[in-house]
C-alpha atoms as a PDB file:
ATOM      1  CA  MET A   1      -7.456 -27.736  -0.843  1.00  0.00           C
ATOM      2  CA  GLN A   2      -5.337 -24.526  -0.838  1.00  0.00           C
ATOM      3  CA  ASP A   3      -8.028 -22.749   1.255  1.00  0.00           C
ATOM      4  CA  ILE A   4      -7.936 -25.543   3.801  1.00  0.00           C
ATOM      5  CA  ILE A   5      -4.126 -25.424   4.008  1.00  0.00           C
ATOM      6  CA  ILE A   6      -4.172 -21.616   4.497  1.00  0.00           C
ATOM      7  CA  SER A   7      -6.982 -21.823   7.083  1.00  0.00           C
ATOM      8  CA  LYS A   8      -5.086 -24.399   9.123  1.00  0.00           C
ATOM      9  CA  THR A   9      -1.877 -22.344   8.908  1.00  0.00           C
ATOM     10  CA  ILE A  10      -3.737 -19.280  10.137  1.00  0.00           C
ATOM     11  CA  ASP A  11      -5.070 -21.166  13.128  1.00  0.00           C
ATOM     12  CA  PHE A  12      -1.605 -22.534  13.877  1.00  0.00           C
ATOM     13  CA  VAL A  13       0.076 -19.149  13.678  1.00  0.00           C
ATOM     14  CA  LYS A  14      -2.568 -17.431  15.777  1.00  0.00           C
ATOM     15  CA  GLU A  15      -2.127 -20.015  18.533  1.00  0.00           C
ATOM     16  CA  THR A  16       1.658 -19.984  18.360  1.00  0.00           C
ATOM     17  CA  LEU A  17       2.036 -16.253  18.474  1.00  0.00           C
ATOM     18  CA  LYS A  18      -0.842 -15.531  20.944  1.00  0.00           C
ATOM     19  CA  ASN A  19       1.635 -14.135  23.548  1.00  0.00           C
ATOM     20  CA  ALA A  20       4.133 -12.627  21.098  1.00  0.00           C
ATOM     21  CA  GLU A  21       5.650  -9.090  21.386  1.00  0.00           C
ATOM     22  CA  ALA A  22       3.155  -6.621  19.868  1.00  0.00           C
ATOM     23  CA  GLY A  23       5.281  -5.729  16.889  1.00  0.00           C
ATOM     24  CA  HIS A  24       5.721  -9.424  15.872  1.00  0.00           C
ATOM     25  CA  ASP A  25       2.357 -10.847  16.797  1.00  0.00           C
ATOM     26  CA  TRP A  26      -0.532 -12.300  14.773  1.00  0.00           C
ATOM     27  CA  PHE A  27      -1.645  -8.802  13.642  1.00  0.00           C
ATOM     28  CA  HIS A  28       1.813  -8.178  12.110  1.00  0.00           C
ATOM     29  CA  ILE A  29       1.477 -11.523  10.299  1.00  0.00           C
ATOM     30  CA  GLU A  30      -2.049 -10.668   9.115  1.00  0.00           C
ATOM     31  CA  ARG A  31      -0.908  -7.313   7.712  1.00  0.00           C
ATOM     32  CA  VAL A  32       2.026  -8.932   5.872  1.00  0.00           C
ATOM     33  CA  PHE A  33      -0.305 -11.624   4.565  1.00  0.00           C
ATOM     34  CA  LYS A  34      -2.796  -9.083   3.234  1.00  0.00           C
ATOM     35  CA  THR A  35      -0.127  -6.821   1.742  1.00  0.00           C
ATOM     36  CA  ALA A  36       1.593  -9.842   0.056  1.00  0.00           C
ATOM     37  CA  GLN A  37      -1.751 -10.730  -1.542  1.00  0.00           C
ATOM     38  CA  THR A  38      -2.197  -7.124  -2.779  1.00  0.00           C
ATOM     39  CA  ILE A  39       1.334  -7.057  -4.300  1.00  0.00           C
ATOM     40  CA  ASN A  40       0.832 -10.447  -5.825  1.00  0.00           C
ATOM     41  CA  GLU A  41      -2.214  -9.255  -7.763  1.00  0.00           C
ATOM     42  CA  THR A  42       0.392  -7.686 -10.019  1.00  0.00           C
ATOM     43  CA  GLU A  43       3.353  -9.994  -9.579  1.00  0.00           C
ATOM     44  CA  LYS A  44       1.487 -13.281 -10.217  1.00  0.00           C
ATOM     45  CA  ALA A  45       3.791 -15.413  -8.106  1.00  0.00           C
ATOM     46  CA  ASP A  46       2.653 -18.803  -6.758  1.00  0.00           C
ATOM     47  CA  GLN A  47      -0.275 -17.961  -4.507  1.00  0.00           C
ATOM     48  CA  LEU A  48       0.105 -20.797  -2.022  1.00  0.00           C
ATOM     49  CA  ILE A  49       3.881 -20.304  -1.473  1.00  0.00           C
ATOM     50  CA  VAL A  50       3.360 -16.566  -1.022  1.00  0.00           C
ATOM     51  CA  ALA A  51       0.548 -17.174   1.488  1.00  0.00           C
ATOM     52  CA  LEU A  52       2.355 -19.800   3.490  1.00  0.00           C
ATOM     53  CA  ALA A  53       5.650 -17.838   3.648  1.00  0.00           C
ATOM     54  CA  ALA A  54       3.855 -14.680   4.664  1.00  0.00           C
ATOM     55  CA  LEU A  55       1.958 -16.529   7.417  1.00  0.00           C
ATOM     56  CA  LEU A  56       4.964 -18.446   8.747  1.00  0.00           C
ATOM     57  CA  HIS A  57       7.799 -15.948   8.242  1.00  0.00           C
ATOM     58  CA  ASP A  58       7.991 -15.022  11.935  1.00  0.00           C
ATOM     59  CA  ILE A  59       6.803 -18.279  13.479  1.00  0.00           C
ATOM     60  CA  ALA A  60       9.953 -18.461  15.562  1.00  0.00           C
ATOM     61  CA  ASP A  61      11.728 -15.141  15.095  1.00  0.00           C
ATOM     62  CA  PRO A  62      15.368 -15.496  16.101  1.00  0.00           C
ATOM     63  CA  LYS A  63      15.212 -12.194  18.111  1.00  0.00           C
ATOM     64  CA  PHE A  64      12.908 -13.978  20.588  1.00  0.00           C
ATOM     65  CA  ASN A  65      14.510 -17.452  20.415  1.00  0.00           C
ATOM     66  CA  GLY A  66      18.128 -16.872  21.461  1.00  0.00           C
ATOM     67  CA  GLY A  67      19.314 -15.966  18.015  1.00  0.00           C
ATOM     68  CA  ASP A  68      18.444 -19.434  16.606  1.00  0.00           C
ATOM     69  CA  GLU A  69      18.026 -18.933  12.886  1.00  0.00           C
ATOM     70  CA  GLU A  70      17.238 -22.576  12.196  1.00  0.00           C
ATOM     71  CA  LEU A  71      14.202 -22.884  14.527  1.00  0.00           C
ATOM     72  CA  GLY A  72      11.727 -20.850  12.344  1.00  0.00           C
ATOM     73  CA  PRO A  73      12.250 -22.877   9.122  1.00  0.00           C
ATOM     74  CA  LYS A  74      12.158 -26.136  11.201  1.00  0.00           C
ATOM     75  CA  VAL A  75       8.844 -25.169  12.960  1.00  0.00           C
ATOM     76  CA  ALA A  76       7.366 -24.202   9.598  1.00  0.00           C
ATOM     77  CA  GLU A  77       8.467 -27.413   7.965  1.00  0.00           C
ATOM     78  CA  ASP A  78       7.194 -29.636  10.796  1.00  0.00           C
ATOM     79  CA  PHE A  79       3.852 -27.943  10.739  1.00  0.00           C
ATOM     80  CA  LEU A  80       3.425 -28.054   6.954  1.00  0.00           C
ATOM     81  CA  LYS A  81       4.341 -31.719   6.928  1.00  0.00           C
ATOM     82  CA  SER A  82       1.732 -32.372   9.522  1.00  0.00           C
ATOM     83  CA  ILE A  83      -0.993 -31.036   7.157  1.00  0.00           C
ATOM     84  CA  ALA A  84       0.460 -32.881   4.147  1.00  0.00           C
ATOM     85  CA  VAL A  85       1.815 -30.011   2.075  1.00  0.00           C
ATOM     86  CA  ASP A  86       4.004 -31.064  -0.788  1.00  0.00           C
ATOM     87  CA  GLN A  87       7.776 -31.115   0.032  1.00  0.00           C
ATOM     88  CA  SER A  88       8.488 -28.960  -3.016  1.00  0.00           C
ATOM     89  CA  ILE A  89       6.311 -26.196  -1.599  1.00  0.00           C
ATOM     90  CA  ILE A  90       7.766 -26.600   1.926  1.00  0.00           C
ATOM     91  CA  ASP A  91      11.264 -26.251   0.591  1.00  0.00           C
ATOM     92  CA  GLN A  92      10.396 -22.920  -1.071  1.00  0.00           C
ATOM     93  CA  VAL A  93       8.727 -21.600   2.074  1.00  0.00           C
ATOM     94  CA  LYS A  94      11.740 -22.600   4.173  1.00  0.00           C
ATOM     95  CA  LEU A  95      14.118 -20.782   1.894  1.00  0.00           C
ATOM     96  CA  ILE A  96      12.063 -17.651   1.997  1.00  0.00           C
ATOM     97  CA  ILE A  97      11.883 -17.739   5.780  1.00  0.00           C
ATOM     98  CA  GLN A  98      15.676 -18.297   5.953  1.00  0.00           C
ATOM     99  CA  HIS A  99      16.658 -15.446   3.667  1.00  0.00           C
ATOM    100  CA  MET A 100      13.982 -12.694   3.732  1.00  0.00           C
ATOM    101  CA  SER A 101      15.085 -10.835   6.869  1.00  0.00           C
ATOM    102  CA  PHE A 102      16.816  -7.447   6.676  1.00  0.00           C
ATOM    103  CA  LYS A 103      19.783  -8.802   8.659  1.00  0.00           C
ATOM    104  CA  ASN A 104      20.309 -11.501   6.043  1.00  0.00           C
ATOM    105  CA  SER A 105      21.046  -8.760   3.502  1.00  0.00           C
ATOM    106  CA  PHE A 106      24.532  -8.805   4.983  1.00  0.00           C
ATOM    107  CA  ASP A 107      25.027 -12.443   3.943  1.00  0.00           C
ATOM    108  CA  GLU A 108      27.204 -13.376   0.997  1.00  0.00           C
ATOM    109  CA  VAL A 109      24.941 -16.337   0.073  1.00  0.00           C
ATOM    110  CA  LYS A 110      21.559 -15.017  -1.012  1.00  0.00           C
ATOM    111  CA  PHE A 111      18.374 -16.655  -2.253  1.00  0.00           C
ATOM    112  CA  SER A 112      15.729 -15.027  -4.390  1.00  0.00           C
ATOM    113  CA  SER A 113      12.496 -16.042  -6.056  1.00  0.00           C
ATOM    114  CA  LYS A 114       9.390 -14.216  -7.238  1.00  0.00           C
ATOM    115  CA  GLU A 115       7.557 -15.472  -4.231  1.00  0.00           C
ATOM    116  CA  MET A 116      10.274 -14.234  -1.863  1.00  0.00           C
ATOM    117  CA  GLU A 117      10.288 -10.801  -3.492  1.00  0.00           C
ATOM    118  CA  VAL A 118       6.534 -10.453  -2.830  1.00  0.00           C
ATOM    119  CA  VAL A 119       6.676 -11.590   0.805  1.00  0.00           C
ATOM    120  CA  GLN A 120       9.886  -9.678   1.536  1.00  0.00           C
ATOM    121  CA  ASP A 121       8.331  -6.442   0.190  1.00  0.00           C
ATOM    122  CA  ALA A 122       5.195  -7.016   2.294  1.00  0.00           C
ATOM    123  CA  ASP A 123       7.189  -7.566   5.452  1.00  0.00           C
ATOM    124  CA  ARG A 124       9.442  -4.573   4.838  1.00  0.00           C
ATOM    125  CA  LEU A 125       6.425  -2.378   4.180  1.00  0.00           C
ATOM    126  CA  ASP A 126       5.114  -3.209   7.693  1.00  0.00           C
ATOM    127  CA  ALA A 127       8.368  -1.882   9.025  1.00  0.00           C
ATOM    128  CA  ILE A 128       7.906   1.575   7.634  1.00  0.00           C
ATOM    129  CA  GLY A 129       5.234   4.306   7.684  1.00  0.00           C
ATOM    130  CA  ALA A 130       2.863   4.842  10.565  1.00  0.00           C
ATOM    131  CA  ILE A 131       2.763   1.217  11.667  1.00  0.00           C
ATOM    132  CA  GLY A 132       6.487   0.846  11.187  1.00  0.00           C
ATOM    133  CA  ILE A 133       7.055   3.758  13.556  1.00  0.00           C
ATOM    134  CA  ALA A 134       4.708   2.172  16.132  1.00  0.00           C
ATOM    135  CA  ARG A 135       6.476  -1.181  15.863  1.00  0.00           C
ATOM    136  CA  ALA A 136       9.880   0.340  16.205  1.00  0.00           C
ATOM    137  CA  PHE A 137       9.022   2.056  19.470  1.00  0.00           C
ATOM    138  CA  THR A 138       7.076  -0.985  20.721  1.00  0.00           C
ATOM    139  CA  TYR A 139      10.223  -3.104  20.268  1.00  0.00           C
ATOM    140  CA  GLY A 140      12.417  -0.413  21.698  1.00  0.00           C
ATOM    141  CA  GLY A 141      10.281  -0.429  24.828  1.00  0.00           C
ATOM    142  CA  PHE A 142      10.379  -4.244  24.913  1.00  0.00           C
ATOM    143  CA  LYS A 143      14.214  -4.051  24.853  1.00  0.00           C
ATOM    144  CA  ASN A 144      14.223  -1.109  27.347  1.00  0.00           C
ATOM    145  CA  ARG A 145      15.971   1.245  24.906  1.00  0.00           C
ATOM    146  CA  VAL A 146      15.886   4.978  25.215  1.00  0.00           C
ATOM    147  CA  LEU A 147      13.901   6.908  22.585  1.00  0.00           C
ATOM    148  CA  TYR A 148      16.699   9.130  21.520  1.00  0.00           C
ATOM    149  CA  ASP A 149      20.155  10.273  22.747  1.00  0.00           C
ATOM    150  CA  PRO A 150      21.830  13.098  20.758  1.00  0.00           C
ATOM    151  CA  GLU A 151      25.209  11.808  21.960  1.00  0.00           C
ATOM    152  CA  ILE A 152      24.768   8.387  20.425  1.00  0.00           C
ATOM    153  CA  LYS A 153      25.222   8.641  16.644  1.00  0.00           C
ATOM    154  CA  PHE A 154      23.776   6.013  14.353  1.00  0.00           C
ATOM    155  CA  LYS A 155      26.101   3.460  12.729  1.00  0.00           C
ATOM    156  CA  GLU A 156      26.469   1.987   9.289  1.00  0.00           C
ATOM    157  CA  TYR A 157      26.708  -1.691  10.141  1.00  0.00           C
ATOM    158  CA  LEU A 158      29.008  -3.704   7.858  1.00  0.00           C
ATOM    159  CA  ASP A 159      27.967  -7.158   9.109  1.00  0.00           C
ATOM    160  CA  LYS A 160      25.056  -9.119  10.511  1.00  0.00           C
ATOM    161  CA  GLU A 161      26.399  -9.463  14.006  1.00  0.00           C
ATOM    162  CA  GLY A 162      26.965  -5.728  14.458  1.00  0.00           C
ATOM    163  CA  TYR A 163      23.344  -5.050  13.382  1.00  0.00           C
ATOM    164  CA  LYS A 164      21.931  -7.901  15.471  1.00  0.00           C
ATOM    165  CA  ASN A 165      23.739  -6.848  18.711  1.00  0.00           C
ATOM    166  CA  THR A 166      22.910  -3.116  18.646  1.00  0.00           C
ATOM    167  CA  THR A 167      21.456  -1.524  21.751  1.00  0.00           C
ATOM    168  CA  ALA A 168      21.115   1.935  20.207  1.00  0.00           C
ATOM    169  CA  PRO A 169      18.244   4.311  20.810  1.00  0.00           C
ATOM    170  CA  THR A 170      15.083   3.664  18.771  1.00  0.00           C
ATOM    171  CA  ILE A 171      15.491   6.824  16.678  1.00  0.00           C
ATOM    172  CA  ASN A 172      18.832   5.476  15.402  1.00  0.00           C
ATOM    173  CA  HIS A 173      16.951   2.465  14.013  1.00  0.00           C
ATOM    174  CA  PHE A 174      15.348   4.726  11.517  1.00  0.00           C
ATOM    175  CA  TYR A 175      18.770   5.535   9.951  1.00  0.00           C
ATOM    176  CA  GLU A 176      20.224   2.084  10.498  1.00  0.00           C
ATOM    177  CA  LYS A 177      17.307   0.244   8.827  1.00  0.00           C
ATOM    178  CA  LEU A 178      13.912   1.856   8.250  1.00  0.00           C
ATOM    179  CA  LEU A 179      14.935   4.667   5.940  1.00  0.00           C
ATOM    180  CA  LYS A 180      16.929   2.235   3.814  1.00  0.00           C
ATOM    181  CA  LEU A 181      13.992  -0.009   3.054  1.00  0.00           C
ATOM    182  CA  LYS A 182      12.437   2.126   0.306  1.00  0.00           C
ATOM    183  CA  ASP A 183      15.457   1.521  -1.906  1.00  0.00           C
ATOM    184  CA  MET A 184      15.524  -2.210  -1.126  1.00  0.00           C
ATOM    185  CA  MET A 185      12.042  -3.016  -2.498  1.00  0.00           C
ATOM    186  CA  ASN A 186      11.801  -5.644  -5.154  1.00  0.00           C
ATOM    187  CA  THR A 187       8.420  -5.094  -6.875  1.00  0.00           C
ATOM    188  CA  VAL A 188       6.829  -2.184  -8.645  1.00  0.00           C
ATOM    189  CA  SER A 189       3.903  -2.240  -6.251  1.00  0.00           C
ATOM    190  CA  GLY A 190       6.157  -2.432  -3.202  1.00  0.00           C
ATOM    191  CA  LYS A 191       8.257   0.538  -4.410  1.00  0.00           C
ATOM    192  CA  ALA A 192       5.145   2.703  -4.898  1.00  0.00           C
ATOM    193  CA  ILE A 193       3.767   1.948  -1.432  1.00  0.00           C
ATOM    194  CA  ALA A 194       7.158   2.364   0.172  1.00  0.00           C
ATOM    195  CA  GLU A 195       7.660   5.876  -1.287  1.00  0.00           C
ATOM    196  CA  GLU A 196       4.587   7.231   0.516  1.00  0.00           C
ATOM    197  CA  ARG A 197       5.457   5.526   3.813  1.00  0.00           C
ATOM    198  CA  HIS A 198       9.045   6.747   3.576  1.00  0.00           C
ATOM    199  CA  GLN A 199       7.926  10.319   3.211  1.00  0.00           C
ATOM    200  CA  PHE A 200       5.747   9.938   6.265  1.00  0.00           C
ATOM    201  CA  MET A 201       8.689   8.776   8.319  1.00  0.00           C
ATOM    202  CA  LEU A 202      10.746  11.816   7.178  1.00  0.00           C
ATOM    203  CA  GLN A 203       7.872  14.080   8.290  1.00  0.00           C
ATOM    204  CA  TYR A 204       7.686  12.257  11.628  1.00  0.00           C
ATOM    205  CA  LEU A 205      11.413  12.694  12.270  1.00  0.00           C
ATOM    206  CA  ASP A 206      11.234  16.448  11.522  1.00  0.00           C
ATOM    207  CA  GLN A 207       8.375  16.789  14.051  1.00  0.00           C
ATOM    208  CA  PHE A 208      10.168  14.601  16.631  1.00  0.00           C
ATOM    209  CA  TYR A 209      13.302  16.753  16.543  1.00  0.00           C
ATOM    210  CA  LYS A 210      11.305  19.955  16.822  1.00  0.00           C
ATOM    211  CA  GLU A 211       9.440  18.619  19.888  1.00  0.00           C
ATOM    212  CA  TRP A 212      12.752  17.323  21.330  1.00  0.00           C
ATOM    213  CA  GLU A 213      14.061  20.903  21.245  1.00  0.00           C
ATOM    214  CA  GLY A 214      10.905  22.203  22.935  1.00  0.00           C
ATOM    215  CA  LYS A 215       9.591  23.913  19.775  1.00  0.00           C
END
C-alpha cells in the first residue's frame, strides 16, 4: 500500500511541477526524496511520512505563488485525501511543509519531529554544494538579479519579511543563507554531507573572486 501511495504521489508531483523553475522542479524533488531516504537509513523515522513530505514539500512554493504560505499544505492535503491517506499522516506532512523552509527559521513558533529533521536536512543539502550553486544562479537569473556587485554588501536579516523581499545579487545569497546551512543541520548524516558541500562552496567563492578581479 505504501508503494502505491508513493507512486501516485510521484506522478502527481511530476505533473504539477512539469513547468516549474529549474531549481524547484521535479528533479529537485527527486534529489530531496533520494537524500531523505539515505539520511533515514540511519535516523529510522517514519518512512511514509518522510517520503510524502519530501515529495510534496515544494508542491506550491510560496515564492512562485504570490507569497501564499497556506497553498502548499492545502494542495498536499487535498491530494493525499484523494488517495485515501490517513489523516494522522496528512497532518504530519502538512506540519513539515509549513515549517521546514529556511525562511521559517525566523518564526517564533516552531515545529519539529524526527521526520521533519530528515526532510529538512535533505532539502537544505540540495541548496549547498555544486547543485546548490547551480540552483542559486538559476533562481537569480529567473529573478533577473545581477551575479555580484561589490558595492552591495550582504545583510544579516532579522526577520522573515526582510529575507523574503531581498533583491540582492546572487553572491550575497551565499552569505545570507547558503553558508549558514551547514550549522543548521539536524542529523548526523546531514551534518557529514553538509561539511563537504560547504567546503566546496568556499572554494568556489575563492575562485569566483579571483576571476572577478581578472586573475
